[in-house]
Amino acid sequence: MVSSDQSTNPLSRQSSDPAEKKAAGCLEGVCAVPTYKFEQLSGESGAIHILLGDVTYVLRKTQAGKLILNK
């Protein structure tokens, strides 16, 4: 969940770019789905672990800048 206090939540972001807001499904600055920059989540590793139930998935960024999700 995205905090309404942007200063205390480094993972949330608000864009002033109308094209970014439209692409993220935002209306009047309110986004229906939380939006994060992958680099903020992954840091320098270029990968994050996602838990769904008892299964761990790895989401990683390729050299070509695409994302791959593996079990």
N, C-alpha and C. Protein backbone atom coordinates (compact mmCIF):
# COMPACT_ATOMS: atom_id res chain seq x y z
N MET A 1 0.84 -1.17 0.00
CA MET A 1 0.00 0.00 0.00
C MET A 1 0.89 1.23 0.00
N VAL A 2 0.51 2.23 -0.72
CA VAL A 2 1.29 3.45 -0.83
C VAL A 2 0.82 4.43 0.22
N SER A 3 1.78 4.96 0.96
CA SER A 3 1.47 5.95 1.97
C SER A 3 1.12 7.27 1.33
N SER A 4 0.21 8.00 1.96
CA SER A 4 -0.12 9.32 1.42
C SER A 4 0.97 10.32 1.74
N ASP A 5 1.85 9.99 2.70
CA ASP A 5 2.96 10.87 3.04
C ASP A 5 4.18 10.47 2.22
N GLN A 6 4.39 11.13 1.10
CA GLN A 6 5.46 10.78 0.16
C GLN A 6 6.85 10.93 0.77
N SER A 7 7.02 11.79 1.77
CA SER A 7 8.34 12.03 2.33
C SER A 7 8.82 10.88 3.19
N THR A 8 7.93 10.07 3.76
CA THR A 8 8.35 8.98 4.63
C THR A 8 8.36 7.64 3.93
N ASN A 9 7.86 7.54 2.73
CA ASN A 9 7.82 6.30 2.00
C ASN A 9 8.67 6.43 0.74
N PRO A 10 9.94 5.95 0.79
CA PRO A 10 10.82 6.12 -0.37
C PRO A 10 10.42 5.31 -1.58
N LEU A 11 9.54 4.31 -1.42
CA LEU A 11 9.17 3.47 -2.54
C LEU A 11 8.03 4.06 -3.36
N SER A 12 7.24 4.91 -2.74
CA SER A 12 6.14 5.50 -3.49
C SER A 12 6.64 6.73 -4.23
N ARG A 13 5.94 7.04 -5.31
CA ARG A 13 6.36 8.21 -6.08
C ARG A 13 5.14 8.83 -6.72
N GLN A 14 5.24 10.11 -6.94
CA GLN A 14 4.21 10.80 -7.71
C GLN A 14 4.92 11.49 -8.85
N SER A 15 4.39 11.34 -10.02
CA SER A 15 4.98 11.94 -11.19
C SER A 15 4.21 13.20 -11.57
N SER A 16 4.93 14.20 -12.03
CA SER A 16 4.26 15.38 -12.54
C SER A 16 4.03 15.26 -14.05
N ASP A 17 4.57 14.21 -14.65
CA ASP A 17 4.44 13.98 -16.09
C ASP A 17 3.07 13.36 -16.39
N PRO A 18 2.20 14.07 -17.11
CA PRO A 18 0.86 13.55 -17.41
C PRO A 18 0.88 12.21 -18.14
N ALA A 19 1.87 12.00 -19.01
CA ALA A 19 1.95 10.73 -19.75
C ALA A 19 2.24 9.57 -18.79
N GLU A 20 3.11 9.80 -17.79
CA GLU A 20 3.40 8.76 -16.81
C GLU A 20 2.17 8.45 -15.97
N LYS A 21 1.44 9.48 -15.57
CA LYS A 21 0.23 9.27 -14.77
C LYS A 21 -0.80 8.48 -15.56
N LYS A 22 -0.97 8.81 -16.84
CA LYS A 22 -1.93 8.10 -17.68
C LYS A 22 -1.52 6.64 -17.82
N ALA A 23 -0.23 6.38 -18.05
CA ALA A 23 0.27 5.01 -18.22
C ALA A 23 0.11 4.21 -16.94
N ALA A 24 0.21 4.87 -15.79
CA ALA A 24 0.09 4.17 -14.51
C ALA A 24 -1.35 4.02 -14.07
N GLY A 25 -2.31 4.51 -14.84
CA GLY A 25 -3.71 4.41 -14.49
C GLY A 25 -4.11 5.40 -13.41
N CYS A 26 -3.46 6.54 -13.39
CA CYS A 26 -3.73 7.55 -12.37
C CYS A 26 -4.75 8.56 -12.88
N LEU A 27 -5.56 9.03 -11.98
CA LEU A 27 -6.55 10.05 -12.30
C LEU A 27 -6.48 11.12 -11.22
N GLU A 28 -6.18 12.33 -11.61
CA GLU A 28 -6.06 13.46 -10.70
C GLU A 28 -5.07 13.18 -9.57
N GLY A 29 -3.95 12.54 -9.91
CA GLY A 29 -2.89 12.28 -8.93
C GLY A 29 -3.12 11.08 -8.05
N VAL A 30 -4.23 10.37 -8.20
CA VAL A 30 -4.52 9.19 -7.39
C VAL A 30 -4.41 7.96 -8.29
N CYS A 31 -3.55 7.03 -7.92
CA CYS A 31 -3.34 5.82 -8.72
C CYS A 31 -4.14 4.66 -8.15
N ALA A 32 -4.79 3.91 -9.03
CA ALA A 32 -5.57 2.75 -8.61
C ALA A 32 -4.67 1.62 -8.15
N VAL A 33 -3.50 1.50 -8.73
CA VAL A 33 -2.55 0.45 -8.39
C VAL A 33 -1.24 1.12 -7.97
N PRO A 34 -0.65 0.68 -6.84
CA PRO A 34 0.63 1.28 -6.44
C PRO A 34 1.66 1.13 -7.55
N THR A 35 2.45 2.15 -7.77
CA THR A 35 3.48 2.15 -8.81
C THR A 35 4.83 2.40 -8.18
N TYR A 36 5.80 1.56 -8.51
CA TYR A 36 7.15 1.67 -7.97
C TYR A 36 8.16 1.63 -9.10
N LYS A 37 9.26 2.30 -8.93
CA LYS A 37 10.37 2.16 -9.87
C LYS A 37 11.13 0.89 -9.48
N PHE A 38 11.39 0.04 -10.46
CA PHE A 38 12.06 -1.23 -10.19
C PHE A 38 13.41 -1.00 -9.50
N GLU A 39 14.13 0.02 -9.94
CA GLU A 39 15.45 0.29 -9.36
C GLU A 39 15.36 0.65 -7.88
N GLN A 40 14.26 1.26 -7.46
CA GLN A 40 14.09 1.57 -6.04
C GLN A 40 13.88 0.29 -5.24
N LEU A 41 13.23 -0.68 -5.80
CA LEU A 41 12.99 -1.94 -5.10
C LEU A 41 14.20 -2.85 -5.12
N SER A 42 14.90 -2.90 -6.24
CA SER A 42 15.99 -3.87 -6.40
C SER A 42 17.35 -3.35 -5.99
N GLY A 43 17.51 -2.04 -5.96
CA GLY A 43 18.84 -1.49 -5.66
C GLY A 43 19.81 -1.88 -6.75
N GLU A 44 21.05 -2.13 -6.36
CA GLU A 44 22.09 -2.48 -7.34
C GLU A 44 22.02 -3.93 -7.78
N SER A 45 21.28 -4.77 -7.06
CA SER A 45 21.25 -6.20 -7.39
C SER A 45 20.54 -6.48 -8.71
N GLY A 46 19.56 -5.64 -9.08
CA GLY A 46 18.82 -5.86 -10.31
C GLY A 46 17.80 -6.97 -10.21
N ALA A 47 17.49 -7.41 -8.97
CA ALA A 47 16.52 -8.49 -8.77
C ALA A 47 15.80 -8.28 -7.45
N ILE A 48 14.56 -8.79 -7.38
CA ILE A 48 13.81 -8.79 -6.13
C ILE A 48 13.13 -10.14 -5.97
N HIS A 49 12.86 -10.52 -4.73
CA HIS A 49 12.10 -11.73 -4.44
C HIS A 49 10.67 -11.30 -4.12
N ILE A 50 9.72 -12.06 -4.65
CA ILE A 50 8.31 -11.80 -4.42
C ILE A 50 7.71 -13.07 -3.83
N LEU A 51 7.07 -12.95 -2.68
CA LEU A 51 6.43 -14.10 -2.05
C LEU A 51 4.95 -14.10 -2.38
N LEU A 52 4.46 -15.24 -2.84
CA LEU A 52 3.04 -15.45 -3.09
C LEU A 52 2.67 -16.75 -2.40
N GLY A 53 2.00 -16.64 -1.28
CA GLY A 53 1.74 -17.83 -0.47
C GLY A 53 3.06 -18.36 0.05
N ASP A 54 3.35 -19.62 -0.25
CA ASP A 54 4.62 -20.20 0.19
C ASP A 54 5.61 -20.35 -0.97
N VAL A 55 5.34 -19.69 -2.09
CA VAL A 55 6.21 -19.76 -3.27
C VAL A 55 6.96 -18.44 -3.42
N THR A 56 8.27 -18.55 -3.66
CA THR A 56 9.10 -17.38 -3.89
C THR A 56 9.41 -17.26 -5.37
N TYR A 57 9.16 -16.08 -5.91
CA TYR A 57 9.49 -15.77 -7.31
C TYR A 57 10.62 -14.77 -7.32
N VAL A 58 11.41 -14.79 -8.39
CA VAL A 58 12.48 -13.82 -8.56
C VAL A 58 12.17 -12.99 -9.81
N LEU A 59 12.10 -11.68 -9.62
CA LEU A 59 11.89 -10.75 -10.73
C LEU A 59 13.22 -10.06 -10.96
N ARG A 60 13.78 -10.23 -12.16
CA ARG A 60 15.08 -9.63 -12.41
C ARG A 60 15.07 -8.86 -13.72
N LYS A 61 15.96 -7.88 -13.78
CA LYS A 61 16.11 -7.04 -14.96
C LYS A 61 17.25 -7.60 -15.82
N THR A 62 16.99 -7.77 -17.12
CA THR A 62 18.01 -8.28 -18.02
C THR A 62 18.92 -7.13 -18.49
N GLN A 63 20.01 -7.49 -19.16
CA GLN A 63 20.90 -6.48 -19.72
C GLN A 63 20.19 -5.64 -20.77
N ALA A 64 19.17 -6.22 -21.40
CA ALA A 64 18.40 -5.49 -22.42
C ALA A 64 17.34 -4.59 -21.81
N GLY A 65 17.24 -4.58 -20.46
CA GLY A 65 16.29 -3.70 -19.79
C GLY A 65 14.89 -4.26 -19.67
N LYS A 66 14.73 -5.57 -19.90
CA LYS A 66 13.43 -6.22 -19.77
C LYS A 66 13.37 -6.93 -18.42
N LEU A 67 12.15 -7.28 -18.01
CA LEU A 67 11.98 -8.00 -16.74
C LEU A 67 11.62 -9.45 -16.99
N ILE A 68 12.19 -10.35 -16.17
CA ILE A 68 11.91 -11.78 -16.26
C ILE A 68 11.49 -12.25 -14.87
N LEU A 69 10.38 -12.99 -14.81
CA LEU A 69 9.89 -13.55 -13.56
C LEU A 69 10.09 -15.06 -13.59
N ASN A 70 10.81 -15.59 -12.58
CA ASN A 70 11.07 -17.03 -12.48
C ASN A 70 10.60 -17.54 -11.13
N LYS A 71 10.20 -18.79 -11.12
CA LYS A 71 9.82 -19.46 -9.88
C LYS A 71 11.06 -19.94 -9.17
